[in-house]
Amino acid sequence: MTEETRHIIRKIGMKFLLLAMVLVVLDLVYRFTLYPKDREKYCTLLTYSRIPVQDSTDIIYLGESSNHSCSPLDEDQRAISEMLGDLMPGHRVGKMSKDACHAGIFYDMLRNIPRKSPVKTVVVTVNMRSFSSEWIYADLERPLQKEQIMMKKAPSLYKRMLLAFKAYAHWSDSERDKLVREGLKKQTLHLPYYFPYKSASDWDHAIGTQCYLYNGEKVSMDTIALTCHYIKDFAYHLDDGNPRIRDLDKIVRLCHRRGWNLVFHIMSDNMDQIRTLAGPDLEFLMKSNAQYIIRRYEPKGVAVVNNQYLVRDRDFFERGFPTEHYTQHGRMASAERIAERLKEEGWCAQN
């Protein structure tokens, strides 16, 4: 190497070093000036991660709208997490609950809980709809992914640049529709008996273009639309390639590192209505997927509370679209099952 070459390399190195120093200074200036306001503006989820310290909670419940939605006819308007808290004397149960959240968001919430928090047990909502293409590419992903950027363990200025350059899902309506359609085609179906449809897309199309249910019953187009929603939301086979499974895996590893007890709470879906509208084939798939969660995570020390069949049709107060929104009876039944499992595991004080 000639002296001239070494000189050029030194000059380039000095420029990179100077650039790095400038970026560090800019990051420090931004962190102590505009960043607190930007974080408050773009990331409300971080406030949830402070709850365990502020409220001295030792049990934290992570949920989406299923936690706090209630019927206007309910006399008891408490959330599932609040009912759980009342069933756990001697413990403080806190909640991290926001509409449309899923395992990926829950992981970021948990990761940002201060290490000196009193948390001992984490209860994570597992909403089976969240594994489908319909939810993975939902419109509500855009604001949530913006918040996830601000929750990253990364330099403050870098996170702000990611927001500025829209390094998150910001699909147009047509792009989202295309992603959902392609995703439904990838939700291929392999039942252990003859089944005429190869994918959720084929099944949805077949039912959606007629006015008959699987058993030949003639119904209204509104009922057909609801049936198709169920098919799109639940006609899939879970495996380790699903992004939500990867998120649950990360939650398991995080809880192991933190020494937290972990509960996965499989939410009830309206199995009565699903059996009537979509038939035993979709019910078979849904039961299989719940069992996949149990088989995958129970051996890893996770307590899986499978409430898939717990809430009956009469306790789903929204009738025109698949939800996990229950009346007070459904919410209380869910809370009681979780409390029972915590006691069985010895993760709570016996009274």
Protein backbone atom coordinates (compact mmCIF):
# COMPACT_ATOMS: atom_id res chain seq x y z
CA MET A 1 0.00 0.00 0.00
CA THR A 2 1.45 3.35 -1.03
CA GLU A 3 1.67 6.37 1.23
CA GLU A 4 -0.87 8.15 -0.95
CA THR A 5 -3.38 5.29 -0.55
CA ARG A 6 -2.92 5.30 3.23
CA HIS A 7 -3.47 9.05 3.26
CA ILE A 8 -6.73 8.71 1.32
CA ILE A 9 -7.95 5.97 3.70
CA ARG A 10 -7.12 8.15 6.72
CA LYS A 11 -9.03 11.08 5.21
CA ILE A 12 -12.08 8.90 4.54
CA GLY A 13 -11.87 7.46 8.06
CA MET A 14 -11.69 10.93 9.59
CA LYS A 15 -14.75 12.02 7.62
CA PHE A 16 -16.72 9.00 8.79
CA LEU A 17 -15.61 9.68 12.38
CA LEU A 18 -16.64 13.33 12.08
CA LEU A 19 -20.01 12.31 10.62
CA ALA A 20 -20.55 9.86 13.48
CA MET A 21 -19.74 12.56 16.04
CA VAL A 22 -22.14 15.00 14.39
CA LEU A 23 -24.91 12.37 14.42
CA VAL A 24 -24.28 11.61 18.10
CA VAL A 25 -24.47 15.31 18.96
CA LEU A 26 -27.64 15.77 16.89
CA ASP A 27 -29.20 12.74 18.57
CA LEU A 28 -28.39 14.13 22.03
CA VAL A 29 -29.80 17.55 21.12
CA TYR A 30 -32.97 15.98 19.70
CA ARG A 31 -33.37 13.60 22.66
CA PHE A 32 -33.38 16.44 25.18
CA THR A 33 -35.41 18.95 23.14
CA LEU A 34 -38.04 17.73 20.66
CA TYR A 35 -38.02 13.98 21.32
CA PRO A 36 -40.18 14.01 24.50
CA LYS A 37 -42.94 15.88 22.64
CA ASP A 38 -42.64 13.62 19.58
CA ARG A 39 -42.78 10.52 21.76
CA GLU A 40 -45.90 11.81 23.49
CA LYS A 41 -47.46 12.69 20.14
CA TYR A 42 -46.59 9.54 18.20
CA CYS A 43 -46.45 6.85 20.90
CA THR A 44 -49.22 6.68 23.47
CA LEU A 45 -48.37 3.00 24.02
CA LEU A 46 -45.25 3.86 26.00
CA THR A 47 -47.43 5.24 28.79
CA TYR A 48 -48.88 1.74 29.23
CA SER A 49 -45.43 0.34 29.91
CA ARG A 50 -45.09 2.68 32.91
CA ILE A 51 -48.30 1.40 34.53
CA PRO A 52 -46.69 -1.49 36.46
CA VAL A 53 -44.34 0.92 38.25
CA GLN A 54 -46.84 3.73 38.75
CA ASP A 55 -49.57 1.42 40.10
CA SER A 56 -47.30 -1.17 41.77
CA THR A 57 -48.95 -3.99 39.81
CA ASP A 58 -47.63 -7.53 40.14
CA ILE A 59 -50.04 -9.01 37.55
CA ILE A 60 -50.37 -7.28 34.20
CA TYR A 61 -53.15 -8.07 31.69
CA LEU A 62 -52.51 -7.26 28.02
CA GLY A 63 -55.58 -7.03 25.81
CA GLU A 64 -57.34 -5.32 22.94
CA SER A 65 -60.95 -4.23 22.65
CA SER A 66 -62.15 -7.56 24.03
CA ASN A 67 -60.92 -6.48 27.45
CA HIS A 68 -62.93 -3.29 27.83
CA SER A 69 -65.89 -3.58 25.40
CA CYS A 70 -69.22 -4.08 27.12
CA SER A 71 -72.88 -4.14 26.20
CA PRO A 72 -74.90 -0.96 26.89
CA LEU A 73 -77.30 -3.28 28.75
CA ASP A 74 -74.63 -4.51 31.17
CA GLU A 75 -75.13 -3.53 34.78
CA ASP A 76 -71.48 -4.48 35.41
CA GLN A 77 -69.30 -2.40 33.06
CA ARG A 78 -65.94 -3.64 34.35
CA ALA A 79 -63.25 -4.86 31.96
CA ILE A 80 -61.97 -8.45 32.10
CA SER A 81 -58.78 -7.18 33.74
CA GLU A 82 -60.77 -5.36 36.43
CA MET A 83 -62.87 -8.43 37.14
CA LEU A 84 -59.66 -10.46 37.36
CA GLY A 85 -58.27 -7.94 39.84
CA ASP A 86 -61.31 -8.32 42.09
CA LEU A 87 -60.86 -12.11 41.99
CA MET A 88 -57.24 -11.80 43.12
CA PRO A 89 -57.21 -10.33 46.64
CA GLY A 90 -53.71 -9.57 47.79
CA HIS A 91 -52.58 -8.71 44.25
CA ARG A 92 -52.68 -5.60 42.10
CA VAL A 93 -53.78 -6.31 38.54
CA GLY A 94 -52.95 -3.68 35.94
CA LYS A 95 -53.95 -3.53 32.29
CA MET A 96 -52.29 -2.61 29.02
CA SER A 97 -55.35 -2.47 26.81
CA LYS A 98 -55.89 -0.74 23.48
CA ASP A 99 -58.07 -1.49 20.47
CA ALA A 100 -56.59 -3.68 17.69
CA CYS A 101 -53.45 -4.62 19.62
CA HIS A 102 -51.89 -8.02 18.98
CA ALA A 103 -48.87 -10.07 20.03
CA GLY A 104 -46.38 -7.84 18.19
CA ILE A 105 -47.62 -4.75 20.02
CA PHE A 106 -47.80 -6.61 23.33
CA TYR A 107 -44.14 -7.61 22.96
CA ASP A 108 -43.07 -3.99 22.57
CA MET A 109 -45.20 -2.93 25.54
CA LEU A 110 -43.65 -5.62 27.72
CA ARG A 111 -40.12 -4.91 26.54
CA ASN A 112 -40.46 -1.29 27.65
CA ILE A 113 -41.60 -2.09 31.19
CA PRO A 114 -38.85 -0.81 33.52
CA ARG A 115 -36.68 -3.60 34.91
CA LYS A 116 -37.37 -2.49 38.47
CA SER A 117 -41.12 -3.02 38.11
CA PRO A 118 -42.95 -5.29 40.59
CA VAL A 119 -44.44 -7.45 37.80
CA LYS A 120 -44.46 -11.17 38.54
CA THR A 121 -47.12 -12.51 36.15
CA VAL A 122 -48.13 -11.50 32.62
CA VAL A 123 -51.47 -12.45 31.03
CA VAL A 124 -51.45 -12.02 27.24
CA THR A 125 -54.64 -12.06 25.18
CA VAL A 126 -54.43 -14.47 22.23
CA ASN A 127 -57.11 -13.43 19.76
CA MET A 128 -57.31 -16.12 17.09
CA ARG A 129 -58.49 -13.63 14.46
CA SER A 130 -55.16 -11.83 14.77
CA PHE A 131 -53.37 -14.67 12.91
CA SER A 132 -55.35 -14.13 9.69
CA SER A 133 -54.47 -11.99 6.68
CA GLU A 134 -57.55 -9.86 7.34
CA TRP A 135 -56.02 -8.63 10.62
CA ILE A 136 -52.33 -8.72 9.66
CA TYR A 137 -53.04 -6.23 6.85
CA ALA A 138 -55.78 -4.30 8.64
CA ASP A 139 -56.13 -0.53 8.31
CA LEU A 140 -55.44 -0.17 12.03
CA GLU A 141 -51.92 -1.56 11.55
CA ARG A 142 -50.66 1.77 10.19
CA PRO A 143 -51.02 3.85 13.39
CA LEU A 144 -49.87 0.92 15.52
CA GLN A 145 -46.72 0.41 13.46
CA LYS A 146 -45.93 4.12 13.77
CA GLU A 147 -46.08 3.69 17.53
CA GLN A 148 -43.92 0.58 17.34
CA ILE A 149 -41.15 2.60 15.70
CA MET A 150 -41.02 4.94 18.69
CA MET A 151 -40.89 1.95 21.03
CA LYS A 152 -37.74 0.54 19.41
CA LYS A 153 -34.51 0.28 21.38
CA ALA A 154 -32.68 2.61 19.00
CA PRO A 155 -31.27 6.17 18.86
CA SER A 156 -34.00 8.80 19.13
CA LEU A 157 -33.06 10.63 15.95
CA TYR A 158 -33.00 7.38 13.98
CA LYS A 159 -36.56 6.57 15.09
CA ARG A 160 -37.72 10.05 14.06
CA MET A 161 -36.12 9.58 10.65
CA LEU A 162 -37.97 6.27 10.22
CA LEU A 163 -41.23 8.09 10.89
CA ALA A 164 -40.33 10.88 8.48
CA PHE A 165 -39.58 8.39 5.70
CA LYS A 166 -42.70 6.33 6.51
CA ALA A 167 -40.79 3.15 7.29
CA TYR A 168 -44.02 1.45 8.38
CA ALA A 169 -47.12 0.00 6.74
CA HIS A 170 -48.84 2.80 4.83
CA TRP A 171 -50.72 0.93 2.15
CA SER A 172 -53.35 2.52 -0.02
CA ASP A 173 -56.79 0.88 0.02
CA SER A 174 -56.06 -0.93 -3.24
CA GLU A 175 -52.66 -2.13 -1.98
CA ARG A 176 -54.22 -3.40 1.23
CA ASP A 177 -56.98 -5.22 -0.67
CA LYS A 178 -54.35 -6.88 -2.84
CA LEU A 179 -52.31 -7.96 0.20
CA VAL A 180 -55.40 -9.42 1.87
CA ARG A 181 -56.42 -11.30 -1.30
CA GLU A 182 -52.93 -12.72 -1.73
CA GLY A 183 -52.82 -13.62 1.95
CA LEU A 184 -56.12 -15.51 1.75
CA LYS A 185 -54.77 -17.51 -1.19
CA LYS A 186 -51.75 -18.44 0.96
CA GLN A 187 -54.09 -19.62 3.74
CA THR A 188 -54.11 -23.08 2.14
CA LEU A 189 -56.23 -25.80 3.68
CA HIS A 190 -55.21 -29.42 4.30
CA LEU A 191 -57.93 -31.22 6.23
CA PRO A 192 -57.54 -34.94 7.07
CA TYR A 193 -60.53 -35.75 4.86
CA TYR A 194 -61.91 -34.62 1.52
CA PHE A 195 -62.58 -30.89 1.43
CA PRO A 196 -63.46 -29.13 -1.83
CA TYR A 197 -61.61 -25.85 -1.21
CA LYS A 198 -57.86 -25.45 -1.43
CA SER A 199 -57.62 -22.10 0.35
CA ALA A 200 -59.54 -19.56 2.39
CA SER A 201 -59.84 -17.55 -0.82
CA ASP A 202 -61.55 -20.43 -2.68
CA TRP A 203 -63.88 -21.12 0.24
CA ASP A 204 -64.79 -17.46 0.67
CA HIS A 205 -65.51 -17.09 -3.06
CA ALA A 206 -67.66 -20.21 -3.19
CA ILE A 207 -69.88 -19.15 -0.28
CA GLY A 208 -69.89 -15.46 -1.20
CA THR A 209 -71.26 -16.02 -4.70
CA GLN A 210 -74.39 -17.90 -3.63
CA CYS A 211 -77.19 -17.53 -1.11
CA TYR A 212 -76.81 -20.93 0.57
CA LEU A 213 -74.86 -22.12 3.58
CA TYR A 214 -72.70 -25.24 3.63
CA ASN A 215 -75.76 -27.40 4.40
CA GLY A 216 -77.92 -26.00 1.62
CA GLU A 217 -79.95 -23.68 3.83
CA LYS A 218 -81.05 -20.56 1.96
CA VAL A 219 -80.22 -17.39 3.88
CA SER A 220 -80.00 -13.61 3.41
CA MET A 221 -76.95 -11.95 1.86
CA ASP A 222 -76.20 -10.37 5.24
CA THR A 223 -75.86 -13.85 6.70
CA ILE A 224 -73.68 -14.89 3.76
CA ALA A 225 -71.46 -11.85 4.36
CA LEU A 226 -71.07 -12.78 8.03
CA THR A 227 -70.22 -16.37 7.10
CA CYS A 228 -67.56 -15.14 4.70
CA HIS A 229 -66.07 -12.95 7.43
CA TYR A 230 -65.72 -16.01 9.63
CA ILE A 231 -64.04 -17.94 6.82
CA LYS A 232 -61.56 -15.15 6.07
CA ASP A 233 -60.78 -14.71 9.77
CA PHE A 234 -60.34 -18.34 10.80
CA ALA A 235 -59.64 -20.55 7.77
CA TYR A 236 -55.91 -21.10 8.22
CA HIS A 237 -53.42 -23.56 9.68
CA LEU A 238 -51.06 -22.17 12.31
CA ASP A 239 -47.34 -22.84 11.92
CA ASP A 240 -44.07 -21.16 12.87
CA GLY A 241 -44.16 -19.06 9.68
CA ASN A 242 -47.06 -16.96 10.93
CA PRO A 243 -45.79 -13.54 12.09
CA ARG A 244 -48.01 -13.62 15.17
CA ILE A 245 -46.46 -16.95 16.24
CA ARG A 246 -43.04 -15.35 15.94
CA ASP A 247 -44.31 -12.50 18.14
CA LEU A 248 -45.60 -14.96 20.75
CA ASP A 249 -42.21 -16.70 20.68
CA LYS A 250 -40.52 -13.38 21.41
CA ILE A 251 -42.87 -12.78 24.33
CA VAL A 252 -41.98 -16.20 25.77
CA ARG A 253 -38.25 -15.49 25.53
CA LEU A 254 -38.69 -12.02 27.05
CA CYS A 255 -40.68 -13.36 30.01
CA HIS A 256 -38.08 -16.06 30.61
CA ARG A 257 -35.34 -13.42 30.70
CA ARG A 258 -37.33 -11.21 33.06
CA GLY A 259 -38.39 -14.09 35.30
CA TRP A 260 -42.10 -13.41 34.71
CA ASN A 261 -44.81 -16.08 34.86
CA LEU A 262 -46.66 -16.11 31.53
CA VAL A 263 -50.29 -16.90 30.67
CA PHE A 264 -51.68 -17.02 27.13
CA HIS A 265 -55.43 -16.39 27.23
CA ILE A 266 -57.14 -17.80 24.12
CA MET A 267 -60.25 -15.68 23.72
CA SER A 268 -63.71 -17.11 23.12
CA ASP A 269 -65.11 -16.82 19.63
CA ASN A 270 -68.77 -17.36 18.84
CA MET A 271 -68.43 -21.08 18.21
CA ASP A 272 -72.20 -21.56 18.37
CA GLN A 273 -72.73 -19.17 15.48
CA ILE A 274 -69.66 -20.40 13.58
CA ARG A 275 -70.91 -24.00 13.78
CA THR A 276 -74.32 -22.93 12.46
CA LEU A 277 -73.07 -20.75 9.60
CA ALA A 278 -69.76 -22.24 8.44
CA GLY A 279 -70.19 -25.79 9.66
CA PRO A 280 -67.92 -28.41 11.21
CA ASP A 281 -65.02 -27.82 8.80
CA LEU A 282 -64.23 -24.33 10.10
CA GLU A 283 -64.84 -25.51 13.65
CA PHE A 284 -62.30 -28.29 13.10
CA LEU A 285 -59.68 -25.81 11.88
CA MET A 286 -60.28 -23.47 14.81
CA LYS A 287 -60.00 -26.26 17.39
CA SER A 288 -56.81 -27.48 15.71
CA ASN A 289 -55.25 -24.01 15.86
CA ALA A 290 -56.09 -23.61 19.55
CA GLN A 291 -54.47 -26.98 20.21
CA TYR A 292 -51.40 -25.83 18.26
CA ILE A 293 -51.01 -22.94 20.70
CA ILE A 294 -51.33 -25.32 23.66
CA ARG A 295 -48.87 -27.90 22.27
CA ARG A 296 -46.33 -25.26 21.30
CA TYR A 297 -46.26 -23.21 24.50
CA GLU A 298 -47.28 -25.40 27.45
CA PRO A 299 -43.95 -27.33 27.26
CA LYS A 300 -42.17 -23.95 27.42
CA GLY A 301 -43.69 -23.19 30.82
CA VAL A 302 -46.55 -21.04 29.54
CA ALA A 303 -49.97 -21.56 31.15
CA VAL A 304 -52.42 -21.58 28.22
CA VAL A 305 -56.02 -20.83 29.25
CA ASN A 306 -58.14 -22.11 26.39
CA ASN A 307 -61.46 -20.27 26.60
CA GLN A 308 -62.32 -20.88 22.93
CA TYR A 309 -65.72 -22.45 23.75
CA LEU A 310 -66.38 -20.69 27.05
CA VAL A 311 -68.67 -17.80 26.00
CA ARG A 312 -71.94 -18.82 24.41
CA ASP A 313 -73.81 -17.12 21.57
CA ARG A 314 -76.18 -15.19 23.85
CA ASP A 315 -73.24 -13.35 25.43
CA PHE A 316 -71.89 -11.86 22.17
CA PHE A 317 -73.68 -8.54 21.94
CA GLU A 318 -72.41 -7.52 18.46
CA ARG A 319 -74.16 -9.66 15.88
CA GLY A 320 -73.14 -8.47 12.41
CA PHE A 321 -69.39 -8.97 12.48
CA PRO A 322 -66.94 -11.36 14.18
CA THR A 323 -65.75 -9.89 17.49
CA GLU A 324 -64.68 -11.04 20.94
CA HIS A 325 -66.92 -8.51 22.65
CA TYR A 326 -68.88 -10.09 25.47
CA THR A 327 -71.60 -9.15 27.91
CA GLN A 328 -70.73 -8.99 31.60
CA HIS A 329 -71.38 -12.74 31.94
CA GLY A 330 -68.82 -13.58 29.25
CA ARG A 331 -66.22 -11.23 30.67
CA MET A 332 -66.68 -12.59 34.18
CA ALA A 333 -66.47 -16.20 33.00
CA SER A 334 -63.19 -15.37 31.21
CA ALA A 335 -61.74 -13.68 34.29
CA GLU A 336 -62.75 -16.60 36.52
CA ARG A 337 -60.98 -19.13 34.26
CA ILE A 338 -57.78 -17.09 34.33
CA ALA A 339 -57.95 -16.71 38.12
CA GLU A 340 -58.46 -20.46 38.52
CA ARG A 341 -55.40 -21.22 36.40
CA LEU A 342 -53.22 -18.75 38.29
CA LYS A 343 -54.17 -20.47 41.53
CA GLU A 344 -53.52 -23.91 40.05
CA GLU A 345 -50.03 -22.80 38.96
CA GLY A 346 -49.34 -21.35 42.41
CA TRP A 347 -48.72 -17.92 40.88
CA CYS A 348 -51.00 -16.07 43.27
CA ALA A 349 -51.68 -15.93 46.97
CA GLN A 350 -54.23 -18.45 48.21
CA ASN A 351 -56.90 -16.95 50.41
